[in-house]
């Protein structure tokens, strides 16, 4: 995967990212709710490190913190919103992605990744989370890089830049190996051998308490 470019957004611009996570659809018990605001540097000046995203951290409902970053405001514009919900029920994991304020009439790749987001680069979120891990890296074999073994959330926006997608996977996370983030990619996810799971650069990333 190609890391996203640096954030050079306008002064006082903001992207709001919300993360909501439940582990039981039956009980619908709220385990985490995060509201994260990413702001560009003030005074019309670029960030000190052009290669880094911009971060603001908010407290989640059950304690702790969850950062989110935008690396390319032309693809994840100021004022965009992203909501991720994930729940486990009857041996399956259901994850929903809702977006607004993105580029209209565009398909973004989106996947759960193994590591939290960082300010340095989208690549720091690591590879896609795979329930059955491919022994070969990078994983581009459709036997492993597929929407039943990974969480794929490709979303196509409407004329207003809003969209929604849902992934249902026939497994639940082991307690000691869970996904840590959702990354928005610049292209739809490829499915053919040698390229399966690839989706171009990473313009946005939000840490998720799966």
C-alpha atoms as a PDB file:
ATOM      1  CA  UNK A   1       0.000   0.000   0.000  1.00  0.00           C
ATOM      2  CA  UNK A   2       1.214   3.533  -0.664  1.00  0.00           C
ATOM      3  CA  UNK A   3       1.189   5.930   2.321  1.00  0.00           C
ATOM      4  CA  UNK A   4      -0.845   9.096   2.010  1.00  0.00           C
ATOM      5  CA  UNK A   5       0.681  12.485   1.296  1.00  0.00           C
ATOM      6  CA  UNK A   6       1.209  15.231   3.894  1.00  0.00           C
ATOM      7  CA  UNK A   7      -1.583  17.437   5.177  1.00  0.00           C
ATOM      8  CA  UNK A   8      -1.399  21.004   3.822  1.00  0.00           C
ATOM      9  CA  UNK A   9      -4.996  22.029   4.486  1.00  0.00           C
ATOM     10  CA  UNK A  10      -6.330  25.598   4.889  1.00  0.00           C
ATOM     11  CA  UNK A  11      -6.141  27.499   8.148  1.00  0.00           C
ATOM     12  CA  UNK A  12      -8.598  26.427  10.811  1.00  0.00           C
ATOM     13  CA  UNK A  13      -9.989  23.668   8.583  1.00  0.00           C
ATOM     14  CA  UNK A  14     -11.361  20.680  10.450  1.00  0.00           C
ATOM     15  CA  UNK A  15     -12.340  17.088   9.765  1.00  0.00           C
ATOM     16  CA  UNK A  16     -14.530  15.386  12.341  1.00  0.00           C
ATOM     17  CA  UNK A  17     -14.239  11.621  12.723  1.00  0.00           C
ATOM     18  CA  UNK A  18     -16.507   9.619  15.016  1.00  0.00           C
ATOM     19  CA  UNK A  19     -15.975   6.033  16.073  1.00  0.00           C
ATOM     20  CA  UNK A  20     -18.640   3.909  17.784  1.00  0.00           C
ATOM     21  CA  UNK A  21     -18.077   0.276  18.719  1.00  0.00           C
ATOM     22  CA  UNK A  22     -20.333  -2.392  20.192  1.00  0.00           C
ATOM     23  CA  UNK A  23     -19.502  -6.057  20.701  1.00  0.00           C
ATOM     24  CA  UNK A  24     -23.026  -7.365  21.014  1.00  0.00           C
ATOM     25  CA  UNK A  25     -25.855  -6.483  18.669  1.00  0.00           C
ATOM     26  CA  UNK A  26     -28.267  -8.329  20.948  1.00  0.00           C
ATOM     27  CA  UNK A  27     -27.523  -6.191  23.987  1.00  0.00           C
ATOM     28  CA  UNK A  28     -26.397  -3.137  21.990  1.00  0.00           C
ATOM     29  CA  UNK A  29     -24.150  -2.182  24.907  1.00  0.00           C
ATOM     30  CA  UNK A  30     -22.037   0.836  24.023  1.00  0.00           C
ATOM     31  CA  UNK A  31     -18.384   0.152  24.686  1.00  0.00           C
ATOM     32  CA  UNK A  32     -16.727   3.118  23.044  1.00  0.00           C
ATOM     33  CA  UNK A  33     -17.673   6.400  21.458  1.00  0.00           C
ATOM     34  CA  UNK A  34     -15.034   8.736  20.139  1.00  0.00           C
ATOM     35  CA  UNK A  35     -15.355  12.171  18.597  1.00  0.00           C
ATOM     36  CA  UNK A  36     -12.101  13.205  16.969  1.00  0.00           C
ATOM     37  CA  UNK A  37     -11.357  16.565  15.379  1.00  0.00           C
ATOM     38  CA  UNK A  38      -8.460  17.098  12.996  1.00  0.00           C
ATOM     39  CA  UNK A  39      -7.460  20.699  12.374  1.00  0.00           C
ATOM     40  CA  UNK A  40      -5.009  22.300   9.980  1.00  0.00           C
ATOM     41  CA  UNK A  41      -2.358  24.670  11.220  1.00  0.00           C
ATOM     42  CA  UNK A  42      -3.483  28.248  11.796  1.00  0.00           C
ATOM     43  CA  UNK A  43      -2.104  31.377  10.161  1.00  0.00           C
ATOM     44  CA  UNK A  44      -2.082  29.845   6.704  1.00  0.00           C
ATOM     45  CA  UNK A  45       1.197  28.045   7.421  1.00  0.00           C
ATOM     46  CA  UNK A  46       1.790  24.354   6.601  1.00  0.00           C
ATOM     47  CA  UNK A  47       2.592  21.895   9.412  1.00  0.00           C
ATOM     48  CA  UNK A  48       6.199  21.830  10.612  1.00  0.00           C
ATOM     49  CA  UNK A  49       6.534  18.338   9.127  1.00  0.00           C
ATOM     50  CA  UNK A  50       4.801  18.240   5.692  1.00  0.00           C
ATOM     51  CA  UNK A  51       4.926  14.428   5.698  1.00  0.00           C
ATOM     52  CA  UNK A  52       2.811  14.161   8.837  1.00  0.00           C
ATOM     53  CA  UNK A  53      -0.916  14.214   9.346  1.00  0.00           C
ATOM     54  CA  UNK A  54      -2.628  16.412  11.901  1.00  0.00           C
ATOM     55  CA  UNK A  55      -4.011  14.966  15.134  1.00  0.00           C
ATOM     56  CA  UNK A  56      -6.448  15.873  17.870  1.00  0.00           C
ATOM     57  CA  UNK A  57      -7.306  13.247  20.475  1.00  0.00           C
ATOM     58  CA  UNK A  58     -10.626  12.775  22.306  1.00  0.00           C
ATOM     59  CA  UNK A  59     -11.549  10.603  25.261  1.00  0.00           C
ATOM     60  CA  UNK A  60     -13.604   7.473  24.550  1.00  0.00           C
ATOM     61  CA  UNK A  61     -16.611   6.544  26.677  1.00  0.00           C
ATOM     62  CA  UNK A  62     -14.932   3.706  28.584  1.00  0.00           C
ATOM     63  CA  UNK A  63     -11.580   5.444  29.007  1.00  0.00           C
ATOM     64  CA  UNK A  64      -8.485   5.814  26.865  1.00  0.00           C
ATOM     65  CA  UNK A  65      -7.853   7.828  23.745  1.00  0.00           C
ATOM     66  CA  UNK A  66      -8.238   7.279  19.996  1.00  0.00           C
ATOM     67  CA  UNK A  67      -6.385   9.400  17.427  1.00  0.00           C
ATOM     68  CA  UNK A  68      -7.382   9.970  13.809  1.00  0.00           C
ATOM     69  CA  UNK A  69      -5.534  11.601  10.946  1.00  0.00           C
ATOM     70  CA  UNK A  70      -6.045  13.010   7.475  1.00  0.00           C
ATOM     71  CA  UNK A  71      -3.104  12.845   5.079  1.00  0.00           C
ATOM     72  CA  UNK A  72      -4.715  14.199   1.885  1.00  0.00           C
ATOM     73  CA  UNK A  73      -7.461  16.840   2.317  1.00  0.00           C
ATOM     74  CA  UNK A  74      -8.225  16.769  -1.406  1.00  0.00           C
ATOM     75  CA  UNK A  75      -9.647  13.250  -0.910  1.00  0.00           C
ATOM     76  CA  UNK A  76     -10.732  13.558   2.731  1.00  0.00           C
ATOM     77  CA  UNK A  77     -11.787  17.226   2.813  1.00  0.00           C
ATOM     78  CA  UNK A  78     -12.114  19.515   5.794  1.00  0.00           C
ATOM     79  CA  UNK A  79     -15.450  18.986   7.511  1.00  0.00           C
ATOM     80  CA  UNK A  80     -15.852  15.353   6.405  1.00  0.00           C
ATOM     81  CA  UNK A  81     -17.276  12.838   8.879  1.00  0.00           C
ATOM     82  CA  UNK A  82     -16.569   9.136   9.231  1.00  0.00           C
ATOM     83  CA  UNK A  83     -18.465   6.787  11.565  1.00  0.00           C
ATOM     84  CA  UNK A  84     -17.418   3.180  12.153  1.00  0.00           C
ATOM     85  CA  UNK A  85     -19.585   0.711  14.093  1.00  0.00           C
ATOM     86  CA  UNK A  86     -18.566  -2.867  14.776  1.00  0.00           C
ATOM     87  CA  UNK A  87     -20.430  -5.604  16.620  1.00  0.00           C
ATOM     88  CA  UNK A  88     -20.100  -9.333  17.230  1.00  0.00           C
ATOM     89  CA  UNK A  89     -23.130 -11.640  17.153  1.00  0.00           C
ATOM     90  CA  UNK A  90     -23.652 -15.366  16.679  1.00  0.00           C
ATOM     91  CA  UNK A  91     -20.060 -15.964  15.624  1.00  0.00           C
ATOM     92  CA  UNK A  92     -19.956 -13.131  13.063  1.00  0.00           C
ATOM     93  CA  UNK A  93     -18.526  -9.609  13.025  1.00  0.00           C
ATOM     94  CA  UNK A  94     -20.643  -6.879  11.437  1.00  0.00           C
ATOM     95  CA  UNK A  95     -18.899  -3.587  10.668  1.00  0.00           C
ATOM     96  CA  UNK A  96     -20.528  -0.512   9.139  1.00  0.00           C
ATOM     97  CA  UNK A  97     -18.840   2.563   7.693  1.00  0.00           C
ATOM     98  CA  UNK A  98     -20.755   5.819   7.169  1.00  0.00           C
ATOM     99  CA  UNK A  99     -19.166   8.871   5.579  1.00  0.00           C
ATOM    100  CA  UNK A 100     -20.189  12.388   4.634  1.00  0.00           C
ATOM    101  CA  UNK A 101     -18.405  15.400   3.222  1.00  0.00           C
ATOM    102  CA  UNK A 102     -16.022  13.352   1.066  1.00  0.00           C
ATOM    103  CA  UNK A 103     -15.471  13.837  -2.679  1.00  0.00           C
ATOM    104  CA  UNK A 104     -18.844  13.326  -4.442  1.00  0.00           C
ATOM    105  CA  UNK A 105     -19.462  10.349  -6.736  1.00  0.00           C
ATOM    106  CA  UNK A 106     -16.230   8.599  -5.853  1.00  0.00           C
ATOM    107  CA  UNK A 107     -15.452   5.082  -4.623  1.00  0.00           C
ATOM    108  CA  UNK A 108     -12.993   4.776  -1.747  1.00  0.00           C
ATOM    109  CA  UNK A 109     -11.385   1.547  -0.665  1.00  0.00           C
ATOM    110  CA  UNK A 110     -11.666   1.007   3.083  1.00  0.00           C
ATOM    111  CA  UNK A 111     -10.393  -1.794   5.296  1.00  0.00           C
ATOM    112  CA  UNK A 112      -9.670  -2.710   8.900  1.00  0.00           C
ATOM    113  CA  UNK A 113      -5.922  -2.609   9.602  1.00  0.00           C
ATOM    114  CA  UNK A 114      -3.693  -4.199  12.208  1.00  0.00           C
ATOM    115  CA  UNK A 115      -2.186  -1.112  13.869  1.00  0.00           C
ATOM    116  CA  UNK A 116      -3.455   2.221  15.224  1.00  0.00           C
ATOM    117  CA  UNK A 117      -3.113   5.374  13.134  1.00  0.00           C
ATOM    118  CA  UNK A 118      -0.137   7.690  13.642  1.00  0.00           C
ATOM    119  CA  UNK A 119       0.659  11.237  12.574  1.00  0.00           C
ATOM    120  CA  UNK A 120       3.713  10.138  10.603  1.00  0.00           C
ATOM    121  CA  UNK A 121       2.097   8.274   7.706  1.00  0.00           C
ATOM    122  CA  UNK A 122      -0.897   6.175   6.723  1.00  0.00           C
ATOM    123  CA  UNK A 123       1.466   3.230   6.232  1.00  0.00           C
ATOM    124  CA  UNK A 124       1.936   3.041  10.011  1.00  0.00           C
ATOM    125  CA  UNK A 125      -1.531   1.462  10.320  1.00  0.00           C
ATOM    126  CA  UNK A 126       0.101  -1.692   8.987  1.00  0.00           C
ATOM    127  CA  UNK A 127      -1.441  -4.262   6.638  1.00  0.00           C
ATOM    128  CA  UNK A 128      -5.065  -5.347   6.491  1.00  0.00           C
ATOM    129  CA  UNK A 129      -6.294  -7.370   9.427  1.00  0.00           C
ATOM    130  CA  UNK A 130      -6.680 -11.009   8.322  1.00  0.00           C
ATOM    131  CA  UNK A 131      -8.466 -13.613  10.391  1.00  0.00           C
ATOM    132  CA  UNK A 132      -6.342 -16.308   8.702  1.00  0.00           C
ATOM    133  CA  UNK A 133      -2.961 -14.690   8.169  1.00  0.00           C
ATOM    134  CA  UNK A 134      -1.185 -15.037   4.844  1.00  0.00           C
ATOM    135  CA  UNK A 135       2.370 -16.364   5.435  1.00  0.00           C
ATOM    136  CA  UNK A 136       3.496 -14.223   2.483  1.00  0.00           C
ATOM    137  CA  UNK A 137       3.758 -10.433   2.756  1.00  0.00           C
ATOM    138  CA  UNK A 138       2.544  -8.263   1.225  1.00  0.00           C
ATOM    139  CA  UNK A 139      -0.626 -10.324   0.971  1.00  0.00           C
ATOM    140  CA  UNK A 140      -2.023 -10.153  -2.574  1.00  0.00           C
ATOM    141  CA  UNK A 141      -3.325 -13.722  -2.833  1.00  0.00           C
ATOM    142  CA  UNK A 142      -7.143 -13.782  -3.168  1.00  0.00           C
ATOM    143  CA  UNK A 143      -7.172 -16.869  -0.932  1.00  0.00           C
ATOM    144  CA  UNK A 144      -6.257 -14.550   1.958  1.00  0.00           C
ATOM    145  CA  UNK A 145      -6.913 -11.028   0.657  1.00  0.00           C
ATOM    146  CA  UNK A 146     -10.669 -11.281   0.297  1.00  0.00           C
ATOM    147  CA  UNK A 147     -13.738  -9.764   2.020  1.00  0.00           C
ATOM    148  CA  UNK A 148     -14.479 -12.919   4.044  1.00  0.00           C
ATOM    149  CA  UNK A 149     -11.006 -13.102   5.600  1.00  0.00           C
ATOM    150  CA  UNK A 150     -10.573  -9.313   5.948  1.00  0.00           C
ATOM    151  CA  UNK A 151     -12.953  -6.472   6.721  1.00  0.00           C
ATOM    152  CA  UNK A 152     -13.596  -4.606   3.462  1.00  0.00           C
ATOM    153  CA  UNK A 153     -15.709  -1.462   3.618  1.00  0.00           C
ATOM    154  CA  UNK A 154     -15.399   0.085   0.147  1.00  0.00           C
ATOM    155  CA  UNK A 155     -17.857   2.963  -0.048  1.00  0.00           C
ATOM    156  CA  UNK A 156     -19.206   4.965  -2.986  1.00  0.00           C
ATOM    157  CA  UNK A 157     -20.283   8.509  -2.225  1.00  0.00           C
ATOM    158  CA  UNK A 158     -23.379  10.177  -3.644  1.00  0.00           C
ATOM    159  CA  UNK A 159     -23.631  13.655  -5.162  1.00  0.00           C
ATOM    160  CA  UNK A 160     -23.285  15.121  -1.663  1.00  0.00           C
ATOM    161  CA  UNK A 161     -20.190  13.107  -0.734  1.00  0.00           C
ATOM    162  CA  UNK A 162     -22.089  10.768   1.620  1.00  0.00           C
ATOM    163  CA  UNK A 163     -22.145   6.985   1.607  1.00  0.00           C
ATOM    164  CA  UNK A 164     -22.485   3.822   3.676  1.00  0.00           C
ATOM    165  CA  UNK A 165     -21.165   0.262   3.495  1.00  0.00           C
ATOM    166  CA  UNK A 166     -21.387  -2.842   5.692  1.00  0.00           C
ATOM    167  CA  UNK A 167     -19.142  -5.891   6.006  1.00  0.00           C
ATOM    168  CA  UNK A 168     -20.292  -9.167   7.593  1.00  0.00           C
ATOM    169  CA  UNK A 169     -17.508 -11.638   8.345  1.00  0.00           C
ATOM    170  CA  UNK A 170     -18.089 -15.233   9.532  1.00  0.00           C
ATOM    171  CA  UNK A 171     -15.756 -14.944  12.530  1.00  0.00           C
ATOM    172  CA  UNK A 172     -15.076 -12.884  15.653  1.00  0.00           C
ATOM    173  CA  UNK A 173     -11.803 -11.358  16.768  1.00  0.00           C
ATOM    174  CA  UNK A 174      -9.577 -13.346  19.123  1.00  0.00           C
ATOM    175  CA  UNK A 175      -9.105 -11.312  22.313  1.00  0.00           C
ATOM    176  CA  UNK A 176      -5.344 -11.197  21.785  1.00  0.00           C
ATOM    177  CA  UNK A 177      -5.407 -10.199  18.081  1.00  0.00           C
ATOM    178  CA  UNK A 178      -7.871  -7.524  17.067  1.00  0.00           C
ATOM    179  CA  UNK A 179      -7.896  -4.892  14.317  1.00  0.00           C
ATOM    180  CA  UNK A 180      -6.845  -1.420  15.463  1.00  0.00           C
ATOM    181  CA  UNK A 181      -7.975   1.025  12.771  1.00  0.00           C
ATOM    182  CA  UNK A 182      -9.935   1.679   9.585  1.00  0.00           C
ATOM    183  CA  UNK A 183      -8.087   3.230   6.651  1.00  0.00           C
ATOM    184  CA  UNK A 184      -9.712   5.077   3.752  1.00  0.00           C
ATOM    185  CA  UNK A 185      -7.924   4.384   0.463  1.00  0.00           C
ATOM    186  CA  UNK A 186      -7.888   6.398  -2.756  1.00  0.00           C
ATOM    187  CA  UNK A 187      -9.123   3.617  -5.078  1.00  0.00           C
ATOM    188  CA  UNK A 188     -11.610   0.713  -5.029  1.00  0.00           C
ATOM    189  CA  UNK A 189     -10.167  -2.550  -3.724  1.00  0.00           C
ATOM    190  CA  UNK A 190      -8.662  -4.873  -6.336  1.00  0.00           C
ATOM    191  CA  UNK A 191      -9.611  -8.562  -6.270  1.00  0.00           C
ATOM    192  CA  UNK A 192      -7.395 -10.249  -8.877  1.00  0.00           C
ATOM    193  CA  UNK A 193      -4.337 -12.377  -8.104  1.00  0.00           C
ATOM    194  CA  UNK A 194      -1.160 -10.406  -7.529  1.00  0.00           C
ATOM    195  CA  UNK A 195      -3.121  -7.287  -6.607  1.00  0.00           C
ATOM    196  CA  UNK A 196      -5.904  -8.574  -4.350  1.00  0.00           C
ATOM    197  CA  UNK A 197      -6.613  -6.209  -1.462  1.00  0.00           C
ATOM    198  CA  UNK A 198      -4.683  -3.265  -2.901  1.00  0.00           C
ATOM    199  CA  UNK A 199      -6.444   0.097  -3.126  1.00  0.00           C
ATOM    200  CA  UNK A 200      -3.822   2.793  -3.614  1.00  0.00           C
ATOM    201  CA  UNK A 201      -2.838   5.531  -1.191  1.00  0.00           C
ATOM    202  CA  UNK A 202      -4.159   6.163   2.309  1.00  0.00           C
ATOM    203  CA  UNK A 203      -5.684   9.635   2.567  1.00  0.00           C
ATOM    204  CA  UNK A 204      -7.351   9.050   5.936  1.00  0.00           C
ATOM    205  CA  UNK A 205      -7.106   6.818   9.002  1.00  0.00           C
ATOM    206  CA  UNK A 206      -9.087   6.500  12.213  1.00  0.00           C
ATOM    207  CA  UNK A 207      -8.169   4.350  15.188  1.00  0.00           C
ATOM    208  CA  UNK A 208     -11.056   2.030  16.159  1.00  0.00           C
ATOM    209  CA  UNK A 209     -11.513   0.107  19.392  1.00  0.00           C
ATOM    210  CA  UNK A 210     -12.649  -3.141  17.777  1.00  0.00           C
END
